[in-house]
Amino acid sequence: MFLENTVNHKEQFGWIEVICGSMFSGKTEELIRRLKRAQFARQKVEIFKPIVDTRYHEEKVVSHDENEIRSTPVPAAANIRLLADDCDVVGIDEAQFFDDEIVTVCNDLANMGI
């Protein structure tokens, strides 16, 4: 079963979904697809990536298939919490390159209904 967030969900808890797989398995492609779907549903979407990730573009997340979405590069996980408070959906690409606080940040966002 696949459940979508409703647009007015701030009264409930959010959740965390992890897209995992080997290199070149389509993880970023799937992240972009899900975020574009949320945008189409008129949800407020923000995507973050580590500031050190400049492989394809400094301010976009780009898949190997060259699909892309605008992103906000941040130096540390704590910055995500500060910038995501007005969002319905938050995407994080290359989470393994963030500091250990990424776990706390994700839990905090879910507890805020994001």
PDB file of N, CA and C in Angstrom:
ATOM      1  N   MET A   1       0.844  -1.166   0.000  1.00  0.00           N
ATOM      2  CA  MET A   1       0.000   0.000   0.000  1.00  0.00           C
ATOM      3  C   MET A   1       0.891   1.231   0.000  1.00  0.00           C
ATOM      4  N   PHE A   2       0.499   2.232  -0.749  1.00  0.00           N
ATOM      5  CA  PHE A   2       1.248   3.489  -0.822  1.00  0.00           C
ATOM      6  C   PHE A   2       0.324   4.602  -0.373  1.00  0.00           C
ATOM      7  N   LEU A   3       0.714   5.341   0.632  1.00  0.00           N
ATOM      8  CA  LEU A   3      -0.107   6.425   1.158  1.00  0.00           C
ATOM      9  C   LEU A   3       0.551   7.753   0.866  1.00  0.00           C
ATOM     10  N   GLU A   4      -0.218   8.701   0.394  1.00  0.00           N
ATOM     11  CA  GLU A   4       0.280  10.043   0.122  1.00  0.00           C
ATOM     12  C   GLU A   4      -0.044  10.948   1.303  1.00  0.00           C
ATOM     13  N   ASN A   5       0.805  11.924   1.557  1.00  0.00           N
ATOM     14  CA  ASN A   5       0.479  12.961   2.529  1.00  0.00           C
ATOM     15  C   ASN A   5      -0.679  13.780   2.002  1.00  0.00           C
ATOM     16  N   THR A   6      -1.531  14.255   2.880  1.00  0.00           N
ATOM     17  CA  THR A   6      -2.516  15.240   2.467  1.00  0.00           C
ATOM     18  C   THR A   6      -1.849  16.596   2.543  1.00  0.00           C
ATOM     19  N   VAL A   7      -2.408  17.583   1.853  1.00  0.00           N
ATOM     20  CA  VAL A   7      -1.789  18.904   1.830  1.00  0.00           C
ATOM     21  C   VAL A   7      -1.782  19.522   3.218  1.00  0.00           C
ATOM     22  N   ASN A   8      -2.822  19.280   4.016  1.00  0.00           N
ATOM     23  CA  ASN A   8      -2.910  19.855   5.354  1.00  0.00           C
ATOM     24  C   ASN A   8      -2.615  18.763   6.379  1.00  0.00           C
ATOM     25  N   HIS A   9      -1.366  18.426   6.550  1.00  0.00           N
ATOM     26  CA  HIS A   9      -1.013  17.313   7.427  1.00  0.00           C
ATOM     27  C   HIS A   9      -0.224  17.721   8.658  1.00  0.00           C
ATOM     28  N   LYS A  10      -0.104  18.993   8.954  1.00  0.00           N
ATOM     29  CA  LYS A  10       0.759  19.437  10.046  1.00  0.00           C
ATOM     30  C   LYS A  10       0.272  18.957  11.411  1.00  0.00           C
ATOM     31  N   GLU A  11      -0.970  18.485  11.505  1.00  0.00           N
ATOM     32  CA  GLU A  11      -1.486  18.013  12.778  1.00  0.00           C
ATOM     33  C   GLU A  11      -1.066  16.572  13.061  1.00  0.00           C
ATOM     34  N   GLN A  12      -0.517  15.887  12.084  1.00  0.00           N
ATOM     35  CA  GLN A  12      -0.105  14.504  12.272  1.00  0.00           C
ATOM     36  C   GLN A  12       1.409  14.392  12.129  1.00  0.00           C
ATOM     37  N   PHE A  13       1.929  13.246  12.467  1.00  0.00           N
ATOM     38  CA  PHE A  13       3.357  13.014  12.304  1.00  0.00           C
ATOM     39  C   PHE A  13       3.680  12.751  10.842  1.00  0.00           C
ATOM     40  N   GLY A  14       4.859  13.169  10.441  1.00  0.00           N
ATOM     41  CA  GLY A  14       5.349  12.819   9.120  1.00  0.00           C
ATOM     42  C   GLY A  14       6.022  11.463   9.190  1.00  0.00           C
ATOM     43  N   TRP A  15       6.729  11.116   8.147  1.00  0.00           N
ATOM     44  CA  TRP A  15       7.451   9.859   8.154  1.00  0.00           C
ATOM     45  C   TRP A  15       8.731   9.986   7.349  1.00  0.00           C
ATOM     46  N   ILE A  16       9.570   8.999   7.500  1.00  0.00           N
ATOM     47  CA  ILE A  16      10.868   8.971   6.828  1.00  0.00           C
ATOM     48  C   ILE A  16      10.869   7.798   5.856  1.00  0.00           C
ATOM     49  N   GLU A  17      11.224   8.073   4.627  1.00  0.00           N
ATOM     50  CA  GLU A  17      11.399   7.018   3.627  1.00  0.00           C
ATOM     51  C   GLU A  17      12.844   7.066   3.150  1.00  0.00           C
ATOM     52  N   VAL A  18      13.480   5.928   3.090  1.00  0.00           N
ATOM     53  CA  VAL A  18      14.860   5.835   2.629  1.00  0.00           C
ATOM     54  C   VAL A  18      14.871   5.092   1.300  1.00  0.00           C
ATOM     55  N   ILE A  19      15.496   5.694   0.313  1.00  0.00           N
ATOM     56  CA  ILE A  19      15.680   5.042  -0.984  1.00  0.00           C
ATOM     57  C   ILE A  19      17.121   4.542  -1.000  1.00  0.00           C
ATOM     58  N   CYS A  20      17.301   3.241  -1.024  1.00  0.00           N
ATOM     59  CA  CYS A  20      18.659   2.705  -0.959  1.00  0.00           C
ATOM     60  C   CYS A  20      18.913   1.741  -2.111  1.00  0.00           C
ATOM     61  N   GLY A  21      20.162   1.550  -2.392  1.00  0.00           N
ATOM     62  CA  GLY A  21      20.559   0.646  -3.462  1.00  0.00           C
ATOM     63  C   GLY A  21      22.019   0.863  -3.791  1.00  0.00           C
ATOM     64  N   SER A  22      22.512   0.074  -4.708  1.00  0.00           N
ATOM     65  CA  SER A  22      23.911   0.185  -5.106  1.00  0.00           C
ATOM     66  C   SER A  22      24.111   1.400  -6.007  1.00  0.00           C
ATOM     67  N   MET A  23      25.351   1.679  -6.327  1.00  0.00           N
ATOM     68  CA  MET A  23      25.645   2.779  -7.243  1.00  0.00           C
ATOM     69  C   MET A  23      24.975   2.498  -8.589  1.00  0.00           C
ATOM     70  N   PHE A  24      24.485   3.549  -9.221  1.00  0.00           N
ATOM     71  CA  PHE A  24      23.832   3.476 -10.529  1.00  0.00           C
ATOM     72  C   PHE A  24      22.552   2.644 -10.517  1.00  0.00           C
ATOM     73  N   SER A  25      21.904   2.535  -9.359  1.00  0.00           N
ATOM     74  CA  SER A  25      20.666   1.750  -9.282  1.00  0.00           C
ATOM     75  C   SER A  25      19.414   2.602  -9.418  1.00  0.00           C
ATOM     76  N   GLY A  26      19.560   3.924  -9.564  1.00  0.00           N
ATOM     77  CA  GLY A  26      18.399   4.782  -9.778  1.00  0.00           C
ATOM     78  C   GLY A  26      17.859   5.459  -8.534  1.00  0.00           C
ATOM     79  N   LYS A  27      18.649   5.552  -7.478  1.00  0.00           N
ATOM     80  CA  LYS A  27      18.179   6.171  -6.235  1.00  0.00           C
ATOM     81  C   LYS A  27      17.828   7.640  -6.432  1.00  0.00           C
ATOM     82  N   THR A  28      18.714   8.399  -7.042  1.00  0.00           N
ATOM     83  CA  THR A  28      18.453   9.823  -7.262  1.00  0.00           C
ATOM     84  C   THR A  28      17.303  10.004  -8.238  1.00  0.00           C
ATOM     85  N   GLU A  29      17.231   9.176  -9.247  1.00  0.00           N
ATOM     86  CA  GLU A  29      16.120   9.212 -10.207  1.00  0.00           C
ATOM     87  C   GLU A  29      14.783   9.036  -9.481  1.00  0.00           C
ATOM     88  N   GLU A  30      14.727   8.080  -8.566  1.00  0.00           N
ATOM     89  CA  GLU A  30      13.500   7.830  -7.808  1.00  0.00           C
ATOM     90  C   GLU A  30      13.183   8.998  -6.877  1.00  0.00           C
ATOM     91  N   LEU A  31      14.194   9.573  -6.248  1.00  0.00           N
ATOM     92  CA  LEU A  31      13.976  10.736  -5.391  1.00  0.00           C
ATOM     93  C   LEU A  31      13.386  11.889  -6.194  1.00  0.00           C
ATOM     94  N   ILE A  32      13.957  12.173  -7.343  1.00  0.00           N
ATOM     95  CA  ILE A  32      13.454  13.254  -8.198  1.00  0.00           C
ATOM     96  C   ILE A  32      12.020  12.960  -8.622  1.00  0.00           C
ATOM     97  N   ARG A  33      11.724  11.720  -8.985  1.00  0.00           N
ATOM     98  CA  ARG A  33      10.369  11.351  -9.409  1.00  0.00           C
ATOM     99  C   ARG A  33       9.362  11.599  -8.285  1.00  0.00           C
ATOM    100  N   ARG A  34       9.700  11.180  -7.077  1.00  0.00           N
ATOM    101  CA  ARG A  34       8.783  11.363  -5.944  1.00  0.00           C
ATOM    102  C   ARG A  34       8.579  12.840  -5.619  1.00  0.00           C
ATOM    103  N   LEU A  35       9.652  13.620  -5.675  1.00  0.00           N
ATOM    104  CA  LEU A  35       9.530  15.040  -5.351  1.00  0.00           C
ATOM    105  C   LEU A  35       8.740  15.788  -6.419  1.00  0.00           C
ATOM    106  N   LYS A  36       8.929  15.448  -7.671  1.00  0.00           N
ATOM    107  CA  LYS A  36       8.149  16.089  -8.736  1.00  0.00           C
ATOM    108  C   LYS A  36       6.678  15.714  -8.624  1.00  0.00           C
ATOM    109  N   ARG A  37       6.405  14.500  -8.197  1.00  0.00           N
ATOM    110  CA  ARG A  37       5.020  14.077  -7.975  1.00  0.00           C
ATOM    111  C   ARG A  37       4.384  14.904  -6.850  1.00  0.00           C
ATOM    112  N   ALA A  38       5.132  15.134  -5.792  1.00  0.00           N
ATOM    113  CA  ALA A  38       4.630  15.965  -4.691  1.00  0.00           C
ATOM    114  C   ALA A  38       4.409  17.401  -5.153  1.00  0.00           C
ATOM    115  N   GLN A  39       5.306  17.931  -5.973  1.00  0.00           N
ATOM    116  CA  GLN A  39       5.123  19.279  -6.519  1.00  0.00           C
ATOM    117  C   GLN A  39       3.869  19.347  -7.376  1.00  0.00           C
ATOM    118  N   PHE A  40       3.640  18.337  -8.188  1.00  0.00           N
ATOM    119  CA  PHE A  40       2.450  18.282  -9.030  1.00  0.00           C
ATOM    120  C   PHE A  40       1.186  18.295  -8.172  1.00  0.00           C
ATOM    121  N   ALA A  41       1.261  17.701  -6.989  1.00  0.00           N
ATOM    122  CA  ALA A  41       0.137  17.679  -6.048  1.00  0.00           C
ATOM    123  C   ALA A  41       0.053  18.970  -5.241  1.00  0.00           C
ATOM    124  N   ARG A  42       0.844  19.962  -5.633  1.00  0.00           N
ATOM    125  CA  ARG A  42       0.853  21.284  -5.010  1.00  0.00           C
ATOM    126  C   ARG A  42       1.323  21.275  -3.552  1.00  0.00           C
ATOM    127  N   GLN A  43       2.192  20.336  -3.237  1.00  0.00           N
ATOM    128  CA  GLN A  43       2.802  20.332  -1.918  1.00  0.00           C
ATOM    129  C   GLN A  43       4.061  21.185  -1.974  1.00  0.00           C
ATOM    130  N   LYS A  44       4.385  21.799  -0.853  1.00  0.00           N
ATOM    131  CA  LYS A  44       5.609  22.594  -0.757  1.00  0.00           C
ATOM    132  C   LYS A  44       6.779  21.634  -0.573  1.00  0.00           C
ATOM    133  N   VAL A  45       7.661  21.622  -1.556  1.00  0.00           N
ATOM    134  CA  VAL A  45       8.763  20.661  -1.587  1.00  0.00           C
ATOM    135  C   VAL A  45      10.089  21.402  -1.518  1.00  0.00           C
ATOM    136  N   GLU A  46      11.000  20.864  -0.740  1.00  0.00           N
ATOM    137  CA  GLU A  46      12.371  21.379  -0.709  1.00  0.00           C
ATOM    138  C   GLU A  46      13.303  20.179  -0.734  1.00  0.00           C
ATOM    139  N   ILE A  47      14.361  20.290  -1.518  1.00  0.00           N
ATOM    140  CA  ILE A  47      15.358  19.227  -1.570  1.00  0.00           C
ATOM    141  C   ILE A  47      16.712  19.808  -1.190  1.00  0.00           C
ATOM    142  N   PHE A  48      17.420  19.057  -0.383  1.00  0.00           N
ATOM    143  CA  PHE A  48      18.725  19.485   0.101  1.00  0.00           C
ATOM    144  C   PHE A  48      19.782  18.478  -0.336  1.00  0.00           C
ATOM    145  N   LYS A  49      20.986  18.990  -0.492  1.00  0.00           N
ATOM    146  CA  LYS A  49      22.124  18.122  -0.781  1.00  0.00           C
ATOM    147  C   LYS A  49      23.339  18.700  -0.080  1.00  0.00           C
ATOM    148  N   PRO A  50      24.339  17.870   0.178  1.00  0.00           N
ATOM    149  CA  PRO A  50      25.553  18.375   0.834  1.00  0.00           C
ATOM    150  C   PRO A  50      26.270  19.377  -0.067  1.00  0.00           C
ATOM    151  N   ILE A  51      26.775  20.418   0.522  1.00  0.00           N
ATOM    152  CA  ILE A  51      27.451  21.466  -0.253  1.00  0.00           C
ATOM    153  C   ILE A  51      28.674  20.917  -0.997  1.00  0.00           C
ATOM    154  N   VAL A  52      29.218  19.808  -0.530  1.00  0.00           N
ATOM    155  CA  VAL A  52      30.394  19.221  -1.184  1.00  0.00           C
ATOM    156  C   VAL A  52      30.041  18.459  -2.466  1.00  0.00           C
ATOM    157  N   ASP A  53      28.747  18.237  -2.717  1.00  0.00           N
ATOM    158  CA  ASP A  53      28.324  17.499  -3.911  1.00  0.00           C
ATOM    159  C   ASP A  53      28.174  18.459  -5.085  1.00  0.00           C
ATOM    160  N   THR A  54      29.210  18.546  -5.887  1.00  0.00           N
ATOM    161  CA  THR A  54      29.196  19.436  -7.059  1.00  0.00           C
ATOM    162  C   THR A  54      29.416  18.635  -8.348  1.00  0.00           C
ATOM    163  N   ARG A  55      29.077  17.354  -8.339  1.00  0.00           N
ATOM    164  CA  ARG A  55      29.357  16.485  -9.487  1.00  0.00           C
ATOM    165  C   ARG A  55      28.733  16.995 -10.785  1.00  0.00           C
ATOM    166  N   TYR A  56      27.448  17.257 -10.780  1.00  0.00           N
ATOM    167  CA  TYR A  56      26.760  17.667 -12.001  1.00  0.00           C
ATOM    168  C   TYR A  56      26.422  19.153 -11.999  1.00  0.00           C
ATOM    169  N   HIS A  57      25.982  19.647 -10.843  1.00  0.00           N
ATOM    170  CA  HIS A  57      25.551  21.039 -10.751  1.00  0.00           C
ATOM    171  C   HIS A  57      25.609  21.452  -9.288  1.00  0.00           C
ATOM    172  N   GLU A  58      25.940  22.707  -9.047  1.00  0.00           N
ATOM    173  CA  GLU A  58      26.059  23.165  -7.656  1.00  0.00           C
ATOM    174  C   GLU A  58      24.715  23.336  -6.967  1.00  0.00           C
ATOM    175  N   GLU A  59      23.659  23.682  -7.701  1.00  0.00           N
ATOM    176  CA  GLU A  59      22.363  23.962  -7.076  1.00  0.00           C
ATOM    177  C   GLU A  59      21.237  23.089  -7.611  1.00  0.00           C
ATOM    178  N   LYS A  60      21.579  21.955  -8.167  1.00  0.00           N
ATOM    179  CA  LYS A  60      20.570  21.008  -8.635  1.00  0.00           C
ATOM    180  C   LYS A  60      21.004  19.603  -8.254  1.00  0.00           C
ATOM    181  N   VAL A  61      20.017  18.767  -8.008  1.00  0.00           N
ATOM    182  CA  VAL A  61      20.266  17.339  -7.898  1.00  0.00           C
ATOM    183  C   VAL A  61      20.015  16.781  -9.288  1.00  0.00           C
ATOM    184  N   VAL A  62      20.975  16.062  -9.818  1.00  0.00           N
ATOM    185  CA  VAL A  62      20.899  15.545 -11.185  1.00  0.00           C
ATOM    186  C   VAL A  62      21.139  14.038 -11.150  1.00  0.00           C
ATOM    187  N   SER A  63      20.265  13.296 -11.826  1.00  0.00           N
ATOM    188  CA  SER A  63      20.434  11.843 -11.899  1.00  0.00           C
ATOM    189  C   SER A  63      21.379  11.486 -13.040  1.00  0.00           C
ATOM    190  N   HIS A  64      21.787  10.234 -13.079  1.00  0.00           N
ATOM    191  CA  HIS A  64      22.647   9.772 -14.173  1.00  0.00           C
ATOM    192  C   HIS A  64      21.919   9.844 -15.511  1.00  0.00           C
ATOM    193  N   ASP A  65      20.581   9.817 -15.477  1.00  0.00           N
ATOM    194  CA  ASP A  65      19.777   9.954 -16.697  1.00  0.00           C
ATOM    195  C   ASP A  65      19.538  11.414 -17.061  1.00  0.00           C
ATOM    196  N   GLU A  66      20.183  12.319 -16.327  1.00  0.00           N
ATOM    197  CA  GLU A  66      20.136  13.761 -16.543  1.00  0.00           C
ATOM    198  C   GLU A  66      18.794  14.402 -16.192  1.00  0.00           C
ATOM    199  N   ASN A  67      17.956  13.719 -15.411  1.00  0.00           N
ATOM    200  CA  ASN A  67      16.797  14.388 -14.832  1.00  0.00           C
ATOM    201  C   ASN A  67      17.317  15.236 -13.686  1.00  0.00           C
ATOM    202  N   GLU A  68      16.660  16.359 -13.452  1.00  0.00           N
ATOM    203  CA  GLU A  68      17.180  17.267 -12.429  1.00  0.00           C
ATOM    204  C   GLU A  68      16.051  17.975 -11.707  1.00  0.00           C
ATOM    205  N   ILE A  69      16.390  18.473 -10.539  1.00  0.00           N
ATOM    206  CA  ILE A  69      15.469  19.262  -9.735  1.00  0.00           C
ATOM    207  C   ILE A  69      16.313  20.261  -8.945  1.00  0.00           C
ATOM    208  N   ARG A  70      15.787  21.456  -8.776  1.00  0.00           N
ATOM    209  CA  ARG A  70      16.497  22.493  -8.034  1.00  0.00           C
ATOM    210  C   ARG A  70      16.674  22.046  -6.588  1.00  0.00           C
ATOM    211  N   SER A  71      17.830  22.327  -6.029  1.00  0.00           N
ATOM    212  CA  SER A  71      18.101  21.936  -4.651  1.00  0.00           C
ATOM    213  C   SER A  71      18.807  23.060  -3.912  1.00  0.00           C
ATOM    214  N   THR A  72      18.863  22.900  -2.610  1.00  0.00           N
ATOM    215  CA  THR A  72      19.577  23.841  -1.759  1.00  0.00           C
ATOM    216  C   THR A  72      20.782  23.123  -1.170  1.00  0.00           C
ATOM    217  N   PRO A  73      21.988  23.519  -1.558  1.00  0.00           N
ATOM    218  CA  PRO A  73      23.174  22.904  -0.957  1.00  0.00           C
ATOM    219  C   PRO A  73      23.394  23.459   0.450  1.00  0.00           C
ATOM    220  N   VAL A  74      23.653  22.578   1.403  1.00  0.00           N
ATOM    221  CA  VAL A  74      23.864  23.005   2.789  1.00  0.00           C
ATOM    222  C   VAL A  74      25.140  22.366   3.340  1.00  0.00           C
ATOM    223  N   PRO A  75      25.835  23.080   4.238  1.00  0.00           N
ATOM    224  CA  PRO A  75      27.096  22.563   4.774  1.00  0.00           C
ATOM    225  C   PRO A  75      26.935  21.515   5.871  1.00  0.00           C
ATOM    226  N   ALA A  76      25.789  21.509   6.548  1.00  0.00           N
ATOM    227  CA  ALA A  76      25.595  20.584   7.667  1.00  0.00           C
ATOM    228  C   ALA A  76      24.116  20.235   7.798  1.00  0.00           C
ATOM    229  N   ALA A  77      23.848  19.108   8.418  1.00  0.00           N
ATOM    230  CA  ALA A  77      22.473  18.635   8.570  1.00  0.00           C
ATOM    231  C   ALA A  77      21.592  19.632   9.322  1.00  0.00           C
ATOM    232  N   ALA A  78      22.135  20.319  10.307  1.00  0.00           N
ATOM    233  CA  ALA A  78      21.345  21.274  11.090  1.00  0.00           C
ATOM    234  C   ALA A  78      20.736  22.365  10.221  1.00  0.00           C
ATOM    235  N   ASN A  79      21.386  22.710   9.128  1.00  0.00           N
ATOM    236  CA  ASN A  79      20.847  23.723   8.226  1.00  0.00           C
ATOM    237  C   ASN A  79      19.530  23.278   7.601  1.00  0.00           C
ATOM    238  N   ILE A  80      19.363  21.990   7.409  1.00  0.00           N
ATOM    239  CA  ILE A  80      18.120  21.475   6.828  1.00  0.00           C
ATOM    240  C   ILE A  80      16.953  21.800   7.742  1.00  0.00           C
ATOM    241  N   ARG A  81      17.124  21.564   9.035  1.00  0.00           N
ATOM    242  CA  ARG A  81      16.060  21.847  10.006  1.00  0.00           C
ATOM    243  C   ARG A  81      15.664  23.320   9.961  1.00  0.00           C
ATOM    244  N   LEU A  82      16.635  24.203   9.831  1.00  0.00           N
ATOM    245  CA  LEU A  82      16.365  25.642   9.809  1.00  0.00           C
ATOM    246  C   LEU A  82      15.627  26.073   8.548  1.00  0.00           C
ATOM    247  N   LEU A  83      15.885  25.419   7.433  1.00  0.00           N
ATOM    248  CA  LEU A  83      15.336  25.848   6.149  1.00  0.00           C
ATOM    249  C   LEU A  83      14.067  25.111   5.738  1.00  0.00           C
ATOM    250  N   ALA A  84      13.690  24.072   6.452  1.00  0.00           N
ATOM    251  CA  ALA A  84      12.591  23.216   6.007  1.00  0.00           C
ATOM    252  C   ALA A  84      11.301  23.389   6.789  1.00  0.00           C
ATOM    253  N   ASP A  85      11.213  24.376   7.653  1.00  0.00           N
ATOM    254  CA  ASP A  85      10.044  24.463   8.527  1.00  0.00           C
ATOM    255  C   ASP A  85       8.745  24.813   7.814  1.00  0.00           C
ATOM    256  N   ASP A  86       8.792  25.330   6.604  1.00  0.00           N
ATOM    257  CA  ASP A  86       7.570  25.697   5.882  1.00  0.00           C
ATOM    258  C   ASP A  86       7.280  24.729   4.736  1.00  0.00           C
ATOM    259  N   CYS A  87       7.786  23.516   4.812  1.00  0.00           N
ATOM    260  CA  CYS A  87       7.638  22.540   3.723  1.00  0.00           C
ATOM    261  C   CYS A  87       6.640  21.452   4.103  1.00  0.00           C
ATOM    262  N   ASP A  88       6.095  20.817   3.076  1.00  0.00           N
ATOM    263  CA  ASP A  88       5.280  19.619   3.270  1.00  0.00           C
ATOM    264  C   ASP A  88       6.123  18.363   3.067  1.00  0.00           C
ATOM    265  N   VAL A  89       7.073  18.450   2.138  1.00  0.00           N
ATOM    266  CA  VAL A  89       7.913  17.307   1.781  1.00  0.00           C
ATOM    267  C   VAL A  89       9.362  17.774   1.700  1.00  0.00           C
ATOM    268  N   VAL A  90      10.254  17.022   2.313  1.00  0.00           N
ATOM    269  CA  VAL A  90      11.684  17.326   2.249  1.00  0.00           C
ATOM    270  C   VAL A  90      12.399  16.132   1.631  1.00  0.00           C
ATOM    271  N   GLY A  91      13.238  16.414   0.652  1.00  0.00           N
ATOM    272  CA  GLY A  91      14.087  15.390   0.056  1.00  0.00           C
ATOM    273  C   GLY A  91      15.536  15.681   0.388  1.00  0.00           C
ATOM    274  N   ILE A  92      16.295  14.644   0.665  1.00  0.00           N
ATOM    275  CA  ILE A  92      17.718  14.800   0.973  1.00  0.00           C
ATOM    276  C   ILE A  92      18.489  13.833   0.079  1.00  0.00           C
ATOM    277  N   ASP A  93      19.329  14.372  -0.785  1.00  0.00           N
ATOM    278  CA  ASP A  93      20.144  13.538  -1.661  1.00  0.00           C
ATOM    279  C   ASP A  93      21.525  13.357  -1.034  1.00  0.00           C
ATOM    280  N   GLU A  94      22.117  12.205  -1.240  1.00  0.00           N
ATOM    281  CA  GLU A  94      23.469  11.900  -0.750  1.00  0.00           C
ATOM    282  C   GLU A  94      23.595  12.128   0.762  1.00  0.00           C
ATOM    283  N   ALA A  95      22.620  11.627   1.514  1.00  0.00           N
ATOM    284  CA  ALA A  95      22.582  11.834   2.965  1.00  0.00           C
ATOM    285  C   ALA A  95      23.826  11.302   3.668  1.00  0.00           C
ATOM    286  N   GLN A  96      24.495  10.322   3.084  1.00  0.00           N
ATOM    287  CA  GLN A  96      25.677   9.736   3.729  1.00  0.00           C
ATOM    288  C   GLN A  96      26.820  10.729   3.859  1.00  0.00           C
ATOM    289  N   PHE A  97      26.765  11.828   3.115  1.00  0.00           N
ATOM    290  CA  PHE A  97      27.829  12.823   3.196  1.00  0.00           C
ATOM    291  C   PHE A  97      27.565  13.892   4.256  1.00  0.00           C
ATOM    292  N   PHE A  98      26.421  13.816   4.938  1.00  0.00           N
ATOM    293  CA  PHE A  98      26.145  14.743   6.036  1.00  0.00           C
ATOM    294  C   PHE A  98      26.736  14.199   7.334  1.00  0.00           C
ATOM    295  N   ASP A  99      26.829  15.077   8.321  1.00  0.00           N
ATOM    296  CA  ASP A  99      27.310  14.672   9.638  1.00  0.00           C
ATOM    297  C   ASP A  99      26.265  13.789  10.318  1.00  0.00           C
ATOM    298  N   ASP A 100      26.619  13.219  11.464  1.00  0.00           N
ATOM    299  CA  ASP A 100      25.737  12.281  12.167  1.00  0.00           C
ATOM    300  C   ASP A 100      24.417  12.897  12.608  1.00  0.00           C
ATOM    301  N   GLU A 101      24.339  14.212  12.662  1.00  0.00           N
ATOM    302  CA  GLU A 101      23.101  14.867  13.090  1.00  0.00           C
ATOM    303  C   GLU A 101      21.967  14.673  12.082  1.00  0.00           C
ATOM    304  N   ILE A 102      22.259  14.146  10.912  1.00  0.00           N
ATOM    305  CA  ILE A 102      21.225  13.932   9.902  1.00  0.00           C
ATOM    306  C   ILE A 102      20.097  13.048  10.442  1.00  0.00           C
ATOM    307  N   VAL A 103      20.422  12.090  11.301  1.00  0.00           N
ATOM    308  CA  VAL A 103      19.406  11.209  11.877  1.00  0.00           C
ATOM    309  C   VAL A 103      18.456  12.010  12.760  1.00  0.00           C
ATOM    310  N   THR A 104      18.995  12.843  13.629  1.00  0.00           N
ATOM    311  CA  THR A 104      18.173  13.680  14.507  1.00  0.00           C
ATOM    312  C   THR A 104      17.338  14.657  13.699  1.00  0.00           C
ATOM    313  N   VAL A 105      17.923  15.251  12.683  1.00  0.00           N
ATOM    314  CA  VAL A 105      17.201  16.204  11.834  1.00  0.00           C
ATOM    315  C   VAL A 105      16.018  15.518  11.164  1.00  0.00           C
ATOM    316  N   CYS A 106      16.225  14.346  10.615  1.00  0.00           N
ATOM    317  CA  CYS A 106      15.128  13.625   9.955  1.00  0.00           C
ATOM    318  C   CYS A 106      14.023  13.276  10.947  1.00  0.00           C
ATOM    319  N   ASN A 107      14.392  12.821  12.132  1.00  0.00           N
ATOM    320  CA  ASN A 107      13.389  12.526  13.157  1.00  0.00           C
ATOM    321  C   ASN A 107      12.637  13.782  13.570  1.00  0.00           C
ATOM    322  N   ASP A 108      13.340  14.890  13.746  1.00  0.00           N
ATOM    323  CA  ASP A 108      12.691  16.152  14.114  1.00  0.00           C
ATOM    324  C   ASP A 108      11.693  16.586  13.046  1.00  0.00           C
ATOM    325  N   LEU A 109      12.082  16.495  11.786  1.00  0.00           N
ATOM    326  CA  LEU A 109      11.181  16.888  10.700  1.00  0.00           C
ATOM    327  C   LEU A 109       9.939  16.002  10.681  1.00  0.00           C
ATOM    328  N   ALA A 110      10.113  14.707  10.855  1.00  0.00           N
ATOM    329  CA  ALA A 110       8.964  13.801  10.891  1.00  0.00           C
ATOM    330  C   ALA A 110       8.057  14.133  12.071  1.00  0.00           C
ATOM    331  N   ASN A 111       8.633  14.447  13.213  1.00  0.00           N
ATOM    332  CA  ASN A 111       7.833  14.811  14.385  1.00  0.00           C
ATOM    333  C   ASN A 111       7.103  16.135  14.203  1.00  0.00           C
ATOM    334  N   MET A 112       7.610  16.977  13.296  1.00  0.00           N
ATOM    335  CA  MET A 112       6.950  18.249  12.987  1.00  0.00           C
ATOM    336  C   MET A 112       5.849  18.067  11.939  1.00  0.00           C
ATOM    337  N   GLY A 113       5.670  16.863  11.445  1.00  0.00           N
ATOM    338  CA  GLY A 113       4.642  16.612  10.444  1.00  0.00           C
ATOM    339  C   GLY A 113       5.126  16.743   9.022  1.00  0.00           C
ATOM    340  N   ILE A 114       6.429  16.816   8.843  1.00  0.00           N
ATOM    341  CA  ILE A 114       6.998  16.963   7.495  1.00  0.00           C
ATOM    342  C   ILE A 114       7.418  15.598   6.994  1.00  0.00           C
TER     343      ILE A 114
END
